[in-house]
Amino acid sequence: MGRAGSLPIGMGADGTNMSSLFNRLKNRKTQNNTSDDSLSISSFDEEGFLCPICHRKFNDQIELGEHYTAMHTSPTKNNKEDDQQQQRQQQQQSTANNHLTGEVNERTSAQDLTKELNFWKTQFTTSEESRMSLSNELIQVRQHVGDLEAEIEQLKQQLQQSQKRLSGQSQEIASLKSEKDVYQSQIVVFSDELLIAQEELKIKQNQLSQLCDDLIPRPSSDDVDVLKHELVSVQQQMNDLALEKENEISKLIQELSTYKSTISDRDNHVKLYKTFFDEMNEYSKQLDQFQFQFNESEKQSKELNTYCTNMKNDTNNLIQLIQFMKEKFLLNKTKLNNRIDQYETNFTQLHMLISRNRIDDHQLTLENMIDNMKNSVQQNFTQIDTLTLENTQLRNELDQLKTQSNTTMEYNEQIKNDLKVQNEYNTSLKSEITSLTDDIKQMETTIEQLKNEKNELIQKIDTGENGIDTIVRQLTNEKDQYENQMKDLKLVVKQNTSDFEAKERQKQSLLNEIETLKQQIEDMTNENSNLKQNINQKQEHLNDFEIKFEEKRIDL
């Protein structure tokens, strides 16, 4: 009686719970899978009371008590019935528990599948959008690379043209050197001829004096006086002519000295031109080196661009993978929390419904599931560690890129300094050219003065005798020859100056080309600096993400 009386009191709540569970399972089987959120709770708890043994419904607690005492409390009749009823009840509870666990597992698996499908759909759309953006960026980068290749080909053509111009200038310099040697030999010949002419003049003066002495007859005293007067006048004229000739000879000697000084100055200028063209050859060598280094820098820039694109792709993939892992980790965490809550609720329900042996078995399954979840969490942590290692490798590669960009900047600064030195040297050459033009103008003024003196001499000599006229004419012819030679020299100097000006123009065009190259190098350095800034920004984002990730890891 004690056993039969105590058991229904404890089983009243359990019986109501089991009946409510059975009714819920029936309602879930009849409803659709899509309307899982609209599951209604069983209507057993709305009105009336149920018998825990036969599950009959009563409207009042008194009726239920009378029914229980009348039908289920007689010891002689109902002991066997109670045992059978308890066995049936246990079987029903076990089947209900099995149905309940299966239904719960089906429901959780269906919810998880829908959530995972939604997640993968969103992930697929985001990946498609990122792929389209990356393809657009790739097209832009390829267009930029094509533009750079076209510019580099233009620069190569300009360098070839400048080399051809330098070779032509070297040939012109060789021709100028040969012409200078010819002029020096002509000047030596002219100086020798001048000395010979001076000696012939002295001989002719002596001959004139002898002829004058021989022509003096022995006439009467009147003739002697007339002849004396004529001789005195002739001697005066001869003295005047000799003085004039000496002055002319001194002037010619001065002109020769000036010509020698100009020739020495020209030799110095030719030496300067030699040094200049040697420097131009060195500069052409430097241009070749610069072209080689520019090609290397171009290759490095291409490698940097490809590496940066790869880095962008890798960083984007890493960011996507980290986001995916993060979201997956959060989903797993939420799933674990939900499952733990469900298992706790189920465990509490099962603790009230099932015996301790069944509870121990269920605890073992729960512990196994928790261990599996812990293992999955550890796997996630190992994946996170691998991602951190990849991030460190990316940082090291970014540092290497920074060092390479710094070396290219230093090389560009050296090229700028060399260009400044070349510009200063060009200004000094321009000042020397202006001084040469001033010297040529002074020579022109001296030649005009000589022409005026020549005309005066001709006017004076026209009043003298025939012998003196012939001598003076010879001297004037020689002087005309020297003037013609001076004119030829002047024309040669003008040609040399015009050639030099043409070379200066070519040099200016080369300098302009170098300035364009310099501007292009500055543009390349600006692009490298922009790439460095982008890489630094990405590195900062990675650092921030790592810090946040480590904080979340510590929190977990």
Protein backbone atom coordinates (compact mmCIF):
# COMPACT_ATOMS: atom_id res chain seq x y z
CA MET A 1 0.00 0.00 0.00
CA GLY A 2 2.88 2.31 0.80
CA ARG A 3 4.58 1.50 -2.51
CA ALA A 4 1.37 1.95 -4.48
CA GLY A 5 0.42 5.14 -2.68
CA SER A 6 3.78 6.86 -2.89
CA LEU A 7 4.44 6.17 -6.57
CA PRO A 8 1.44 7.95 -8.13
CA ILE A 9 2.10 11.09 -6.11
CA GLY A 10 5.58 11.34 -7.61
CA MET A 11 4.38 10.36 -11.04
CA GLY A 12 1.60 12.91 -11.38
CA ALA A 13 3.82 15.68 -12.70
CA ASP A 14 5.89 13.18 -14.65
CA GLY A 15 2.78 11.77 -16.27
CA THR A 16 1.57 15.21 -17.28
CA ASN A 17 4.99 16.01 -18.74
CA MET A 18 5.12 12.75 -20.68
CA SER A 19 1.62 13.22 -22.06
CA SER A 20 2.44 16.77 -23.09
CA LEU A 21 5.57 15.47 -24.86
CA PHE A 22 3.59 12.81 -26.73
CA ASN A 23 1.03 15.36 -27.84
CA ARG A 24 3.78 17.72 -29.01
CA LEU A 25 5.38 14.95 -31.06
CA LYS A 26 2.04 14.16 -32.68
CA ASN A 27 1.43 17.80 -33.53
CA ARG A 28 4.97 18.13 -35.03
CA LYS A 29 4.50 15.07 -37.22
CA THR A 30 1.25 16.42 -38.63
CA GLN A 31 2.66 19.92 -39.33
CA ASN A 32 5.02 20.86 -42.23
CA ASN A 33 8.82 21.21 -41.87
CA THR A 34 8.77 24.78 -43.24
CA SER A 35 6.49 26.02 -40.47
CA ASP A 36 8.75 24.88 -37.60
CA ASP A 37 8.53 28.24 -35.88
CA SER A 38 4.73 28.01 -35.66
CA LEU A 39 4.68 24.80 -33.60
CA SER A 40 1.86 24.92 -31.12
CA ILE A 41 2.04 23.48 -27.64
CA SER A 42 -0.28 20.60 -26.79
CA SER A 43 -3.65 21.39 -25.37
CA PHE A 44 -3.40 18.99 -22.41
CA ASP A 45 -2.55 21.80 -20.04
CA GLU A 46 -5.53 23.97 -21.03
CA GLU A 47 -8.41 22.42 -18.85
CA GLY A 48 -9.04 19.35 -16.63
CA PHE A 49 -6.81 16.75 -14.97
CA LEU A 50 -5.39 13.40 -16.21
CA CYS A 51 -5.02 10.12 -14.41
CA PRO A 52 -1.32 9.14 -14.29
CA ILE A 53 -2.11 5.42 -14.86
CA CYS A 54 -4.99 5.19 -17.32
CA HIS A 55 -4.68 8.80 -18.67
CA ARG A 56 -8.38 9.59 -18.37
CA LYS A 57 -9.47 13.21 -18.29
CA PHE A 58 -11.38 14.76 -15.34
CA ASN A 59 -12.72 18.26 -14.84
CA ASP A 60 -11.99 18.44 -11.13
CA GLN A 61 -9.32 17.30 -8.69
CA ILE A 62 -11.91 15.60 -6.46
CA GLU A 63 -13.18 13.43 -9.32
CA LEU A 64 -9.62 12.42 -10.16
CA GLY A 65 -8.97 11.43 -6.49
CA GLU A 66 -12.17 9.38 -6.28
CA HIS A 67 -11.31 7.64 -9.55
CA TYR A 68 -7.79 6.87 -8.36
CA THR A 69 -8.94 5.46 -4.99
CA ALA A 70 -11.72 3.46 -6.60
CA MET A 71 -9.82 2.01 -9.52
CA HIS A 72 -6.13 1.89 -8.67
CA THR A 73 -5.67 1.60 -4.86
CA SER A 74 -7.09 -1.92 -3.96
CA PRO A 75 -4.10 -4.11 -2.97
CA THR A 76 -5.56 -7.52 -3.79
CA LYS A 77 -6.83 -6.70 -7.23
CA ASN A 78 -4.47 -4.10 -8.52
CA ASN A 79 -0.92 -5.11 -7.48
CA LYS A 80 -0.40 -7.03 -10.67
CA GLU A 81 -2.18 -4.36 -12.64
CA ASP A 82 0.06 -1.72 -11.09
CA ASP A 83 3.18 -3.68 -12.04
CA GLN A 84 1.93 -4.16 -15.55
CA GLN A 85 0.90 -0.54 -15.73
CA GLN A 86 4.32 0.57 -14.53
CA GLN A 87 6.05 -1.61 -17.13
CA ARG A 88 3.80 -0.16 -19.82
CA GLN A 89 4.48 3.31 -18.55
CA GLN A 90 8.25 2.72 -18.62
CA GLN A 91 8.04 1.37 -22.17
CA GLN A 92 5.96 4.36 -23.21
CA GLN A 93 8.46 6.70 -21.57
CA SER A 94 11.40 5.03 -23.33
CA THR A 95 9.66 5.19 -26.72
CA ALA A 96 8.66 8.79 -26.05
CA ASN A 97 12.23 9.67 -25.12
CA ASN A 98 13.53 8.01 -28.28
CA HIS A 99 10.98 9.87 -30.40
CA LEU A 100 11.80 13.09 -28.58
CA THR A 101 15.57 12.80 -29.11
CA GLY A 102 15.07 11.89 -32.79
CA GLU A 103 12.70 14.77 -33.32
CA VAL A 104 15.01 17.21 -31.57
CA ASN A 105 17.98 16.00 -33.61
CA GLU A 106 16.00 16.30 -36.86
CA ARG A 107 14.84 19.76 -35.99
CA THR A 108 18.31 20.99 -34.98
CA SER A 109 19.88 19.44 -38.10
CA ALA A 110 17.25 21.08 -40.34
CA GLN A 111 17.76 24.46 -38.68
CA ASP A 112 21.53 24.10 -38.99
CA LEU A 113 21.23 23.19 -42.66
CA THR A 114 19.05 26.21 -43.42
CA LYS A 115 21.41 28.50 -41.54
CA GLU A 116 24.44 27.05 -43.31
CA LEU A 117 22.70 27.37 -46.68
CA ASN A 118 21.90 31.03 -46.01
CA PHE A 119 25.46 31.62 -44.84
CA TRP A 120 26.97 29.96 -47.94
CA LYS A 121 24.61 31.94 -50.19
CA THR A 122 25.77 35.24 -48.66
CA GLN A 123 29.37 34.06 -48.78
CA PHE A 124 28.99 33.15 -52.47
CA THR A 125 27.50 36.55 -53.34
CA THR A 126 30.28 38.39 -51.47
CA SER A 127 32.94 36.25 -53.17
CA GLU A 128 31.40 36.98 -56.59
CA GLU A 129 31.40 40.73 -55.86
CA SER A 130 35.01 40.60 -54.67
CA ARG A 131 35.96 38.56 -57.75
CA MET A 132 34.37 41.16 -60.06
CA SER A 133 36.17 44.00 -58.26
CA LEU A 134 39.46 42.11 -58.46
CA SER A 135 38.96 41.46 -62.19
CA ASN A 136 38.32 45.19 -62.75
CA GLU A 137 41.45 46.06 -60.78
CA LEU A 138 43.41 43.50 -62.82
CA ILE A 139 42.24 45.09 -66.08
CA GLN A 140 43.24 48.55 -64.85
CA VAL A 141 46.65 47.28 -63.75
CA ARG A 142 47.22 45.63 -67.13
CA GLN A 143 46.31 48.85 -68.94
CA HIS A 144 48.72 50.77 -66.71
CA VAL A 145 51.47 48.22 -67.44
CA GLY A 146 50.85 48.59 -71.20
CA ASP A 147 51.16 52.38 -70.93
CA LEU A 148 54.40 52.01 -69.00
CA GLU A 149 55.80 49.62 -71.62
CA ALA A 150 54.96 52.09 -74.42
CA GLU A 151 56.67 54.91 -72.51
CA ILE A 152 59.73 52.72 -71.94
CA GLU A 153 59.95 51.93 -75.67
CA GLN A 154 59.78 55.65 -76.44
CA LEU A 155 62.58 56.28 -73.94
CA LYS A 156 64.68 53.56 -75.56
CA GLN A 157 64.19 55.15 -78.98
CA GLN A 158 65.15 58.55 -77.58
CA LEU A 159 68.28 57.05 -76.02
CA GLN A 160 69.26 55.46 -79.33
CA GLN A 161 68.78 58.81 -81.09
CA SER A 162 70.91 60.57 -78.47
CA GLN A 163 73.65 57.96 -78.91
CA LYS A 164 73.58 58.51 -82.68
CA ARG A 165 73.84 62.26 -82.12
CA LEU A 166 76.79 61.77 -79.79
CA SER A 167 78.57 59.64 -82.39
CA GLY A 168 77.97 62.36 -85.02
CA GLN A 169 79.32 65.00 -82.65
CA SER A 170 82.46 62.94 -82.02
CA GLN A 171 83.03 62.73 -85.79
CA GLU A 172 82.56 66.49 -86.09
CA ILE A 173 85.07 67.01 -83.29
CA ALA A 174 87.61 64.87 -85.14
CA SER A 175 87.07 66.93 -88.32
CA LEU A 176 87.48 70.17 -86.32
CA LYS A 177 90.74 68.87 -84.87
CA SER A 178 92.06 68.12 -88.37
CA GLU A 179 91.01 71.60 -89.57
CA LYS A 180 92.73 73.17 -86.58
CA ASP A 181 95.96 71.35 -87.43
CA VAL A 182 95.71 72.62 -91.03
CA TYR A 183 95.21 76.20 -89.81
CA GLN A 184 98.19 75.96 -87.49
CA SER A 185 100.38 74.75 -90.36
CA GLN A 186 99.11 77.63 -92.55
CA ILE A 187 99.89 80.18 -89.82
CA VAL A 188 103.43 78.81 -89.54
CA VAL A 189 103.84 79.15 -93.33
CA PHE A 190 102.47 82.72 -93.24
CA SER A 191 104.88 83.72 -90.48
CA ASP A 192 107.81 82.31 -92.49
CA GLU A 193 106.66 84.16 -95.60
CA LEU A 194 106.41 87.40 -93.59
CA LEU A 195 109.99 87.05 -92.41
CA ILE A 196 111.12 86.37 -95.98
CA ALA A 197 109.22 89.46 -97.21
CA GLN A 198 110.86 91.62 -94.53
CA GLU A 199 114.30 90.41 -95.61
CA GLU A 200 113.48 91.09 -99.28
CA LEU A 201 112.32 94.60 -98.34
CA LYS A 202 115.62 95.33 -96.69
CA ILE A 203 117.51 94.02 -99.76
CA LYS A 204 115.41 96.16 -102.10
CA GLN A 205 116.00 99.25 -99.96
CA ASN A 206 119.74 98.67 -100.18
CA GLN A 207 119.44 98.21 -103.95
CA LEU A 208 117.48 101.47 -104.22
CA SER A 209 120.11 103.34 -102.27
CA GLN A 210 122.84 101.93 -104.54
CA LEU A 211 120.87 102.83 -107.67
CA CYS A 212 120.37 106.36 -106.40
CA ASP A 213 124.11 106.66 -105.82
CA ASP A 214 124.86 105.28 -109.31
CA LEU A 215 122.37 107.58 -111.02
CA ILE A 216 123.99 110.70 -109.62
CA PRO A 217 125.87 112.26 -112.60
CA ARG A 218 128.65 114.84 -112.48
CA PRO A 219 126.98 117.85 -113.93
CA SER A 220 127.40 121.50 -113.25
CA SER A 221 126.79 123.14 -109.95
CA ASP A 222 123.14 124.02 -110.76
CA ASP A 223 122.36 120.49 -111.69
CA VAL A 224 124.12 119.39 -108.56
CA ASP A 225 122.00 121.69 -106.44
CA VAL A 226 118.80 120.51 -108.15
CA LEU A 227 119.85 116.93 -107.75
CA LYS A 228 120.74 117.58 -104.14
CA HIS A 229 117.32 119.04 -103.52
CA GLU A 230 115.70 116.09 -105.30
CA LEU A 231 117.87 113.65 -103.40
CA VAL A 232 116.95 115.32 -100.14
CA SER A 233 113.28 115.12 -101.03
CA VAL A 234 113.64 111.51 -102.19
CA GLN A 235 115.53 110.62 -99.01
CA GLN A 236 112.83 112.29 -96.94
CA GLN A 237 110.16 110.36 -98.82
CA MET A 238 112.19 107.16 -98.44
CA ASN A 239 112.60 107.84 -94.75
CA ASP A 240 108.88 108.44 -94.47
CA LEU A 241 108.16 105.28 -96.41
CA ALA A 242 110.65 103.33 -94.31
CA LEU A 243 109.04 104.64 -91.13
CA GLU A 244 105.62 103.76 -92.46
CA LYS A 245 106.83 100.32 -93.49
CA GLU A 246 108.43 99.81 -90.10
CA ASN A 247 105.18 100.85 -88.48
CA GLU A 248 103.28 98.49 -90.74
CA ILE A 249 105.76 95.71 -89.98
CA SER A 250 105.41 96.38 -86.24
CA LYS A 251 101.66 96.35 -86.65
CA LEU A 252 101.88 93.09 -88.58
CA ILE A 253 104.11 91.67 -85.85
CA GLN A 254 101.55 92.77 -83.26
CA GLU A 255 98.81 91.20 -85.35
CA LEU A 256 100.85 88.02 -85.56
CA SER A 257 101.27 88.05 -81.79
CA THR A 258 97.53 88.61 -81.40
CA TYR A 259 96.87 85.79 -83.86
CA LYS A 260 99.25 83.57 -81.95
CA SER A 261 97.46 84.45 -78.72
CA THR A 262 94.09 83.76 -80.35
CA ILE A 263 95.46 80.49 -81.70
CA SER A 264 96.69 79.57 -78.22
CA ASP A 265 93.29 80.54 -76.86
CA ARG A 266 91.70 78.37 -79.52
CA ASP A 267 94.05 75.56 -78.58
CA ASN A 268 92.88 75.97 -75.03
CA HIS A 269 89.29 75.98 -76.22
CA VAL A 270 89.98 72.88 -78.31
CA LYS A 271 91.41 71.26 -75.20
CA LEU A 272 88.30 72.30 -73.36
CA TYR A 273 86.23 70.83 -76.18
CA LYS A 274 88.26 67.63 -75.87
CA THR A 275 87.58 67.50 -72.16
CA PHE A 276 83.96 68.35 -72.86
CA PHE A 277 83.59 65.55 -75.37
CA ASP A 278 85.44 63.18 -73.08
CA GLU A 279 82.93 64.11 -70.43
CA MET A 280 80.17 63.63 -72.99
CA ASN A 281 81.51 60.15 -73.70
CA GLU A 282 81.58 59.46 -69.98
CA TYR A 283 78.11 60.88 -69.81
CA SER A 284 77.03 58.55 -72.62
CA LYS A 285 78.52 55.68 -70.64
CA GLN A 286 76.60 56.90 -67.61
CA LEU A 287 73.50 57.04 -69.81
CA ASP A 288 74.10 53.43 -70.82
CA GLN A 289 74.49 52.51 -67.17
CA PHE A 290 71.40 54.53 -66.40
CA GLN A 291 69.52 52.69 -69.15
CA PHE A 292 70.67 49.36 -67.76
CA GLN A 293 69.70 50.38 -64.24
CA PHE A 294 66.45 51.82 -65.55
CA ASN A 295 65.68 48.50 -67.21
CA GLU A 296 66.50 46.74 -63.96
CA SER A 297 64.32 49.18 -62.03
CA GLU A 298 61.59 48.57 -64.62
CA LYS A 299 61.90 44.84 -64.08
CA GLN A 300 61.85 45.40 -60.33
CA SER A 301 58.80 47.66 -60.67
CA LYS A 302 57.05 44.97 -62.74
CA GLU A 303 57.99 42.37 -60.15
CA LEU A 304 56.80 44.73 -57.43
CA ASN A 305 53.51 45.27 -59.26
CA THR A 306 53.00 41.54 -59.73
CA TYR A 307 54.06 40.88 -56.17
CA CYS A 308 51.77 43.64 -54.89
CA THR A 309 48.88 42.20 -56.87
CA ASN A 310 49.67 38.78 -55.45
CA MET A 311 49.92 40.34 -52.02
CA LYS A 312 46.58 42.05 -52.53
CA ASN A 313 45.01 38.81 -53.64
CA ASP A 314 46.64 36.91 -50.76
CA THR A 315 45.61 39.55 -48.23
CA ASN A 316 42.07 39.61 -49.61
CA ASN A 317 41.94 35.83 -49.51
CA LEU A 318 43.36 35.85 -45.99
CA ILE A 319 40.89 38.49 -44.90
CA GLN A 320 38.04 36.53 -46.45
CA LEU A 321 39.30 33.30 -44.94
CA ILE A 322 39.74 34.93 -41.54
CA GLN A 323 36.28 36.45 -41.78
CA PHE A 324 34.91 33.11 -42.85
CA MET A 325 36.71 31.35 -39.99
CA LYS A 326 35.56 34.03 -37.60
CA GLU A 327 31.95 33.75 -38.74
CA LYS A 328 32.19 29.99 -38.72
CA PHE A 329 33.69 30.11 -35.25
CA LEU A 330 30.92 32.41 -34.06
CA LEU A 331 28.32 30.17 -35.67
CA ASN A 332 29.88 27.12 -34.08
CA LYS A 333 29.96 28.96 -30.80
CA THR A 334 26.30 29.93 -31.08
CA LYS A 335 25.46 26.40 -32.18
CA LEU A 336 27.37 25.02 -29.24
CA ASN A 337 25.62 27.38 -26.87
CA ASN A 338 22.25 26.49 -28.35
CA ARG A 339 23.04 22.80 -28.23
CA ILE A 340 24.31 23.08 -24.68
CA ASP A 341 21.10 24.91 -23.70
CA GLN A 342 19.03 22.27 -25.46
CA TYR A 343 21.03 19.49 -23.87
CA GLU A 344 20.65 21.13 -20.47
CA THR A 345 16.90 21.39 -20.91
CA ASN A 346 16.72 17.85 -22.24
CA PHE A 347 18.97 16.70 -19.44
CA THR A 348 16.74 18.29 -16.82
CA GLN A 349 13.67 16.73 -18.44
CA LEU A 350 15.34 13.37 -18.76
CA HIS A 351 16.58 13.59 -15.18
CA MET A 352 12.99 13.87 -14.07
CA LEU A 353 11.77 11.13 -16.41
CA ILE A 354 14.48 8.45 -16.71
CA SER A 355 16.31 6.42 -14.14
CA ARG A 356 19.89 7.03 -13.14
CA ASN A 357 21.32 4.37 -15.46
CA ARG A 358 19.74 5.99 -18.51
CA ILE A 359 20.92 9.39 -17.29
CA ASP A 360 24.48 8.11 -16.99
CA ASP A 361 24.38 6.85 -20.58
CA HIS A 362 23.05 10.17 -21.79
CA GLN A 363 25.73 12.00 -19.81
CA LEU A 364 28.38 9.90 -21.55
CA THR A 365 26.97 10.83 -24.95
CA LEU A 366 26.88 14.48 -23.93
CA GLU A 367 30.45 14.32 -22.69
CA ASN A 368 31.54 12.73 -25.97
CA MET A 369 29.78 15.45 -27.91
CA ILE A 370 31.40 18.13 -25.74
CA ASP A 371 34.80 16.52 -26.30
CA ASN A 372 34.19 16.57 -30.04
CA MET A 373 33.26 20.23 -29.82
CA LYS A 374 36.43 20.95 -27.85
CA ASN A 375 38.47 19.17 -30.52
CA SER A 376 36.82 21.27 -33.24
CA VAL A 377 37.58 24.42 -31.24
CA GLN A 378 41.22 23.34 -30.92
CA GLN A 379 41.35 22.74 -34.67
CA ASN A 380 40.04 26.26 -35.20
CA PHE A 381 42.78 27.57 -32.92
CA THR A 382 45.43 25.66 -34.90
CA GLN A 383 44.08 27.18 -38.11
CA ILE A 384 44.24 30.61 -36.49
CA ASP A 385 47.88 29.97 -35.50
CA THR A 386 48.73 29.05 -39.10
CA LEU A 387 47.07 32.25 -40.27
CA THR A 388 49.13 34.28 -37.79
CA LEU A 389 52.31 32.62 -39.13
CA GLU A 390 51.28 33.55 -42.67
CA ASN A 391 50.70 37.12 -41.49
CA THR A 392 54.24 37.26 -40.04
CA GLN A 393 55.63 35.99 -43.34
CA LEU A 394 53.70 38.69 -45.17
CA ARG A 395 55.11 41.30 -42.81
CA ASN A 396 58.66 40.14 -43.52
CA GLU A 397 58.02 40.34 -47.26
CA LEU A 398 56.60 43.85 -46.83
CA ASP A 399 59.78 44.88 -44.98
CA GLN A 400 61.88 43.54 -47.87
CA LEU A 401 59.79 45.56 -50.30
CA LYS A 402 60.36 48.67 -48.19
CA THR A 403 64.15 48.18 -48.29
CA GLN A 404 64.07 47.72 -52.07
CA SER A 405 62.04 50.90 -52.53
CA ASN A 406 64.51 52.81 -50.30
CA THR A 407 67.45 51.67 -52.46
CA THR A 408 65.64 52.83 -55.62
CA MET A 409 65.02 56.24 -53.98
CA GLU A 410 68.74 56.60 -53.14
CA TYR A 411 69.70 55.75 -56.71
CA ASN A 412 67.26 58.35 -58.05
CA GLU A 413 68.81 60.99 -55.76
CA GLN A 414 72.29 60.17 -57.12
CA ILE A 415 71.02 60.63 -60.68
CA LYS A 416 69.53 64.01 -59.73
CA ASN A 417 72.87 65.18 -58.29
CA ASP A 418 74.70 64.12 -61.48
CA LEU A 419 72.22 66.06 -63.58
CA LYS A 420 72.77 69.19 -61.47
CA VAL A 421 76.55 68.94 -61.98
CA GLN A 422 76.02 68.57 -65.75
CA ASN A 423 73.81 71.66 -65.84
CA GLU A 424 76.47 73.72 -64.04
CA TYR A 425 79.08 72.58 -66.55
CA ASN A 426 76.79 73.57 -69.42
CA THR A 427 76.42 77.08 -68.00
CA SER A 428 80.23 77.42 -67.79
CA LEU A 429 80.53 76.35 -71.45
CA LYS A 430 77.96 78.97 -72.46
CA SER A 431 79.99 81.68 -70.71
CA GLU A 432 83.12 80.57 -72.60
CA ILE A 433 81.24 80.76 -75.90
CA THR A 434 80.20 84.33 -75.15
CA SER A 435 83.84 85.24 -74.43
CA LEU A 436 84.87 83.72 -77.79
CA THR A 437 82.27 85.79 -79.63
CA ASP A 438 83.61 88.95 -77.92
CA ASP A 439 87.15 88.11 -79.07
CA ILE A 440 85.93 87.64 -82.64
CA LYS A 441 84.28 91.06 -82.55
CA GLN A 442 87.54 92.65 -81.37
CA MET A 443 89.40 90.97 -84.25
CA GLU A 444 86.87 92.38 -86.70
CA THR A 445 87.47 95.90 -85.39
CA THR A 446 91.25 95.50 -85.75
CA ILE A 447 90.83 94.29 -89.35
CA GLU A 448 88.75 97.36 -90.17
CA GLN A 449 91.45 99.59 -88.69
CA LEU A 450 94.06 97.85 -90.88
CA LYS A 451 91.89 98.46 -93.94
CA ASN A 452 91.71 102.18 -93.18
CA GLU A 453 95.47 102.38 -92.71
CA LYS A 454 95.96 100.53 -95.99
CA ASN A 455 93.83 103.07 -97.85
CA GLU A 456 95.83 105.93 -96.31
CA LEU A 457 99.11 104.28 -97.38
CA ILE A 458 97.83 103.86 -100.93
CA GLN A 459 96.89 107.53 -101.09
CA LYS A 460 100.33 108.58 -99.81
CA ILE A 461 102.29 106.27 -102.11
CA ASP A 462 100.37 107.39 -105.23
CA THR A 463 102.21 110.77 -104.98
CA GLY A 464 105.69 109.10 -105.01
CA GLU A 465 107.99 107.69 -107.76
CA ASN A 466 107.47 104.56 -109.88
CA GLY A 467 109.95 102.31 -108.06
CA ILE A 468 108.46 103.17 -104.75
CA ASP A 469 105.02 102.58 -106.26
CA THR A 470 105.98 99.06 -107.34
CA ILE A 471 107.40 98.25 -103.90
CA VAL A 472 104.36 99.65 -102.20
CA ARG A 473 102.09 97.74 -104.56
CA GLN A 474 103.93 94.53 -103.76
CA LEU A 475 103.52 95.28 -100.08
CA THR A 476 99.83 96.05 -100.58
CA ASN A 477 99.37 92.82 -102.52
CA GLU A 478 101.02 90.90 -99.71
CA LYS A 479 98.87 92.75 -97.24
CA ASP A 480 95.76 91.91 -99.29
CA GLN A 481 96.79 88.29 -99.28
CA TYR A 482 97.16 88.37 -95.51
CA GLU A 483 93.78 90.06 -95.21
CA ASN A 484 92.19 87.42 -97.42
CA GLN A 485 93.77 84.76 -95.26
CA MET A 486 92.39 86.56 -92.21
CA LYS A 487 88.95 86.60 -93.82
CA ASP A 488 89.22 82.88 -94.48
CA LEU A 489 90.24 82.33 -90.88
CA LYS A 490 87.32 84.48 -89.79
CA LEU A 491 84.93 82.38 -91.89
CA VAL A 492 86.38 79.22 -90.40
CA VAL A 493 85.91 80.66 -86.91
CA LYS A 494 82.31 81.52 -87.79
CA GLN A 495 81.74 78.01 -89.05
CA ASN A 496 83.26 76.62 -85.88
CA THR A 497 81.03 78.85 -83.78
CA SER A 498 77.96 77.83 -85.80
CA ASP A 499 78.90 74.17 -85.40
CA PHE A 500 79.42 74.74 -81.72
CA GLU A 501 76.03 76.42 -81.43
CA ALA A 502 74.43 73.48 -83.27
CA LYS A 503 76.12 71.11 -80.86
CA GLU A 504 74.90 73.24 -77.98
CA ARG A 505 71.37 72.95 -79.34
CA GLN A 506 71.76 69.19 -79.60
CA LYS A 507 73.11 69.20 -76.09
CA GLN A 508 70.11 71.22 -74.92
CA SER A 509 67.79 68.71 -76.59
CA LEU A 510 69.64 65.92 -74.79
CA LEU A 511 69.25 67.79 -71.53
CA ASN A 512 65.54 68.17 -72.22
CA GLU A 513 65.32 64.44 -72.86
CA ILE A 514 67.18 63.83 -69.61
CA GLU A 515 64.70 66.12 -67.84
CA THR A 516 61.83 64.07 -69.24
CA LEU A 517 63.54 60.91 -68.05
CA LYS A 518 64.00 62.54 -64.68
CA GLN A 519 60.30 63.42 -64.55
CA GLN A 520 59.38 59.86 -65.44
CA ILE A 521 61.67 58.56 -62.71
CA GLU A 522 59.98 60.92 -60.25
CA ASP A 523 56.61 59.58 -61.38
CA MET A 524 57.87 56.04 -60.81
CA THR A 525 59.10 57.00 -57.33
CA ASN A 526 55.71 58.57 -56.57
CA GLU A 527 54.00 55.36 -57.68
CA ASN A 528 56.35 53.34 -55.49
CA SER A 529 55.60 55.64 -52.55
CA ASN A 530 51.86 55.22 -53.18
CA LEU A 531 52.31 51.45 -53.24
CA LYS A 532 54.26 51.68 -50.00
CA GLN A 533 51.46 53.70 -48.42
CA ASN A 534 48.87 51.15 -49.56
CA ILE A 535 51.00 48.32 -48.20
CA ASN A 536 51.44 50.15 -44.89
CA GLN A 537 47.70 50.71 -44.65
CA LYS A 538 47.05 47.03 -45.28
CA GLN A 539 49.68 46.12 -42.74
CA GLU A 540 47.98 48.41 -40.19
CA HIS A 541 44.63 46.74 -40.95
CA LEU A 542 46.24 43.34 -40.47
CA ASN A 543 47.79 44.46 -37.18
CA ASP A 544 44.45 45.79 -35.95
CA PHE A 545 42.76 42.58 -37.00
CA GLU A 546 45.41 40.48 -35.25
CA ILE A 547 45.04 42.53 -32.07
CA LYS A 548 41.25 42.12 -32.15
CA PHE A 549 41.59 38.44 -32.95
CA GLU A 550 44.02 37.88 -30.05
CA GLU A 551 41.67 39.75 -27.71
CA LYS A 552 38.76 37.54 -28.78
CA ARG A 553 40.97 34.50 -28.44
CA ILE A 554 41.92 35.52 -24.90
CA ASP A 555 38.24 36.12 -24.12
CA LEU A 556 37.40 32.63 -25.38
